[in-house]
Amino acid sequence: MGITRWCRILDDGQARLGCLEGDTIRLYEGNLFDAPTPTDRLVDANMASWLPPVVPRQFLGLWNNFHERQQLEKTLSLIHI
């Protein structure tokens, strides 16, 4: 049994789940983590508009990687210690 290569592509303006099968992508219905169902729709992998594998629900930022904030708080980065 080989490795399953899941992907997300843009298909007819919609983000769709797919599985890379050689040079083609078989589209799936459903959620990647909830037993997706294969469809009969195949897309040429070379012509696909690839999307990031997942959509993050949130972004986290740390204050110590923001130079202006570091200057305001008069703290030192690890480089200066």
C-alpha atoms as a PDB file:
ATOM      1  CA  MET A   1       0.000   0.000   0.000  1.00  0.00           C
ATOM      2  CA  GLY A   2       1.416   3.391  -1.020  1.00  0.00           C
ATOM      3  CA  ILE A   3       1.315   6.797   0.583  1.00  0.00           C
ATOM      4  CA  THR A   4      -1.909   8.763   0.163  1.00  0.00           C
ATOM      5  CA  ARG A   5      -1.115  12.271  -1.043  1.00  0.00           C
ATOM      6  CA  TRP A   6      -3.991  14.550  -0.061  1.00  0.00           C
ATOM      7  CA  CYS A   7      -4.235  18.033  -1.495  1.00  0.00           C
ATOM      8  CA  ARG A   8      -6.525  21.031  -1.847  1.00  0.00           C
ATOM      9  CA  ILE A   9      -7.128  22.705  -5.180  1.00  0.00           C
ATOM     10  CA  LEU A  10      -9.351  25.399  -6.589  1.00  0.00           C
ATOM     11  CA  ASP A  11     -12.019  23.826  -8.838  1.00  0.00           C
ATOM     12  CA  ASP A  12     -14.732  25.969 -10.448  1.00  0.00           C
ATOM     13  CA  GLY A  13     -14.065  28.697  -7.874  1.00  0.00           C
ATOM     14  CA  GLN A  14     -14.412  26.300  -4.915  1.00  0.00           C
ATOM     15  CA  ALA A  15     -11.715  24.874  -2.653  1.00  0.00           C
ATOM     16  CA  ARG A  16     -11.887  21.111  -3.103  1.00  0.00           C
ATOM     17  CA  LEU A  17     -10.235  18.157  -1.421  1.00  0.00           C
ATOM     18  CA  GLY A  18      -8.347  15.790  -3.665  1.00  0.00           C
ATOM     19  CA  CYS A  19      -5.964  12.870  -3.730  1.00  0.00           C
ATOM     20  CA  LEU A  20      -2.973  12.910  -6.047  1.00  0.00           C
ATOM     21  CA  GLU A  21      -2.927   9.800  -8.256  1.00  0.00           C
ATOM     22  CA  GLY A  22       0.088  10.038 -10.558  1.00  0.00           C
ATOM     23  CA  ASP A  23      -0.458  13.076 -12.801  1.00  0.00           C
ATOM     24  CA  THR A  24      -4.124  13.456 -11.895  1.00  0.00           C
ATOM     25  CA  ILE A  25      -6.064  14.518  -8.829  1.00  0.00           C
ATOM     26  CA  ARG A  26      -9.208  12.630  -7.863  1.00  0.00           C
ATOM     27  CA  LEU A  27     -11.634  14.992  -6.150  1.00  0.00           C
ATOM     28  CA  TYR A  28     -13.349  13.968  -2.919  1.00  0.00           C
ATOM     29  CA  GLU A  29     -16.507  15.078  -1.148  1.00  0.00           C
ATOM     30  CA  GLY A  30     -16.479  15.753   2.566  1.00  0.00           C
ATOM     31  CA  ASN A  31     -13.863  16.578   5.145  1.00  0.00           C
ATOM     32  CA  LEU A  32     -10.340  15.163   5.159  1.00  0.00           C
ATOM     33  CA  PHE A  33     -10.689  14.111   8.799  1.00  0.00           C
ATOM     34  CA  ASP A  34     -14.190  12.637   8.486  1.00  0.00           C
ATOM     35  CA  ALA A  35     -14.090   9.789   5.914  1.00  0.00           C
ATOM     36  CA  PRO A  36     -14.125  11.722   2.602  1.00  0.00           C
ATOM     37  CA  THR A  37     -15.837  10.027  -0.354  1.00  0.00           C
ATOM     38  CA  PRO A  38     -14.140   9.804  -3.787  1.00  0.00           C
ATOM     39  CA  THR A  39     -15.948  11.245  -6.802  1.00  0.00           C
ATOM     40  CA  ASP A  40     -15.584  10.414 -10.498  1.00  0.00           C
ATOM     41  CA  ARG A  41     -14.081  13.864 -11.186  1.00  0.00           C
ATOM     42  CA  LEU A  42     -10.391  13.888 -12.190  1.00  0.00           C
ATOM     43  CA  VAL A  43      -8.257  17.007 -12.642  1.00  0.00           C
ATOM     44  CA  ASP A  44      -4.874  17.249 -14.383  1.00  0.00           C
ATOM     45  CA  ALA A  45      -2.359  17.962 -11.578  1.00  0.00           C
ATOM     46  CA  ASN A  46      -0.250  20.170 -13.859  1.00  0.00           C
ATOM     47  CA  MET A  47      -3.250  22.385 -14.647  1.00  0.00           C
ATOM     48  CA  ALA A  48      -4.622  22.574 -11.077  1.00  0.00           C
ATOM     49  CA  SER A  49      -4.620  25.723  -8.979  1.00  0.00           C
ATOM     50  CA  TRP A  50      -3.026  24.389  -5.803  1.00  0.00           C
ATOM     51  CA  LEU A  51      -4.076  25.689  -2.376  1.00  0.00           C
ATOM     52  CA  PRO A  52      -2.418  25.329   1.034  1.00  0.00           C
ATOM     53  CA  PRO A  53      -3.210  21.911   2.543  1.00  0.00           C
ATOM     54  CA  VAL A  54      -5.348  23.361   5.344  1.00  0.00           C
ATOM     55  CA  VAL A  55      -6.990  26.654   6.299  1.00  0.00           C
ATOM     56  CA  PRO A  56      -5.751  27.851   9.690  1.00  0.00           C
ATOM     57  CA  ARG A  57      -8.464  28.791  12.159  1.00  0.00           C
ATOM     58  CA  GLN A  58      -6.242  31.389  13.821  1.00  0.00           C
ATOM     59  CA  PHE A  59      -2.844  33.039  13.568  1.00  0.00           C
ATOM     60  CA  LEU A  60      -0.653  33.493  16.593  1.00  0.00           C
ATOM     61  CA  GLY A  61       1.939  36.242  16.836  1.00  0.00           C
ATOM     62  CA  LEU A  62       4.626  36.593  19.458  1.00  0.00           C
ATOM     63  CA  TRP A  63       5.672  40.017  20.675  1.00  0.00           C
ATOM     64  CA  ASN A  64       9.389  39.204  20.629  1.00  0.00           C
ATOM     65  CA  ASN A  65       9.521  38.853  16.847  1.00  0.00           C
ATOM     66  CA  PHE A  66       8.185  42.380  16.345  1.00  0.00           C
ATOM     67  CA  HIS A  67      11.044  44.889  16.340  1.00  0.00           C
ATOM     68  CA  GLU A  68       8.965  48.026  17.052  1.00  0.00           C
ATOM     69  CA  ARG A  69       7.270  46.412  20.053  1.00  0.00           C
ATOM     70  CA  GLN A  70      10.639  45.305  21.374  1.00  0.00           C
ATOM     71  CA  GLN A  71      11.947  48.889  21.172  1.00  0.00           C
ATOM     72  CA  LEU A  72       8.836  50.241  22.914  1.00  0.00           C
ATOM     73  CA  GLU A  73       9.235  47.803  25.815  1.00  0.00           C
ATOM     74  CA  LYS A  74      13.026  48.306  25.858  1.00  0.00           C
ATOM     75  CA  THR A  75      13.717  44.584  25.901  1.00  0.00           C
ATOM     76  CA  LEU A  76      16.639  42.740  24.365  1.00  0.00           C
ATOM     77  CA  SER A  77      16.439  40.031  21.770  1.00  0.00           C
ATOM     78  CA  LEU A  78      18.348  36.794  22.226  1.00  0.00           C
ATOM     79  CA  ILE A  79      20.932  38.130  19.768  1.00  0.00           C
ATOM     80  CA  HIS A  80      21.877  40.907  22.241  1.00  0.00           C
ATOM     81  CA  ILE A  81      22.142  38.688  25.305  1.00  0.00           C
END
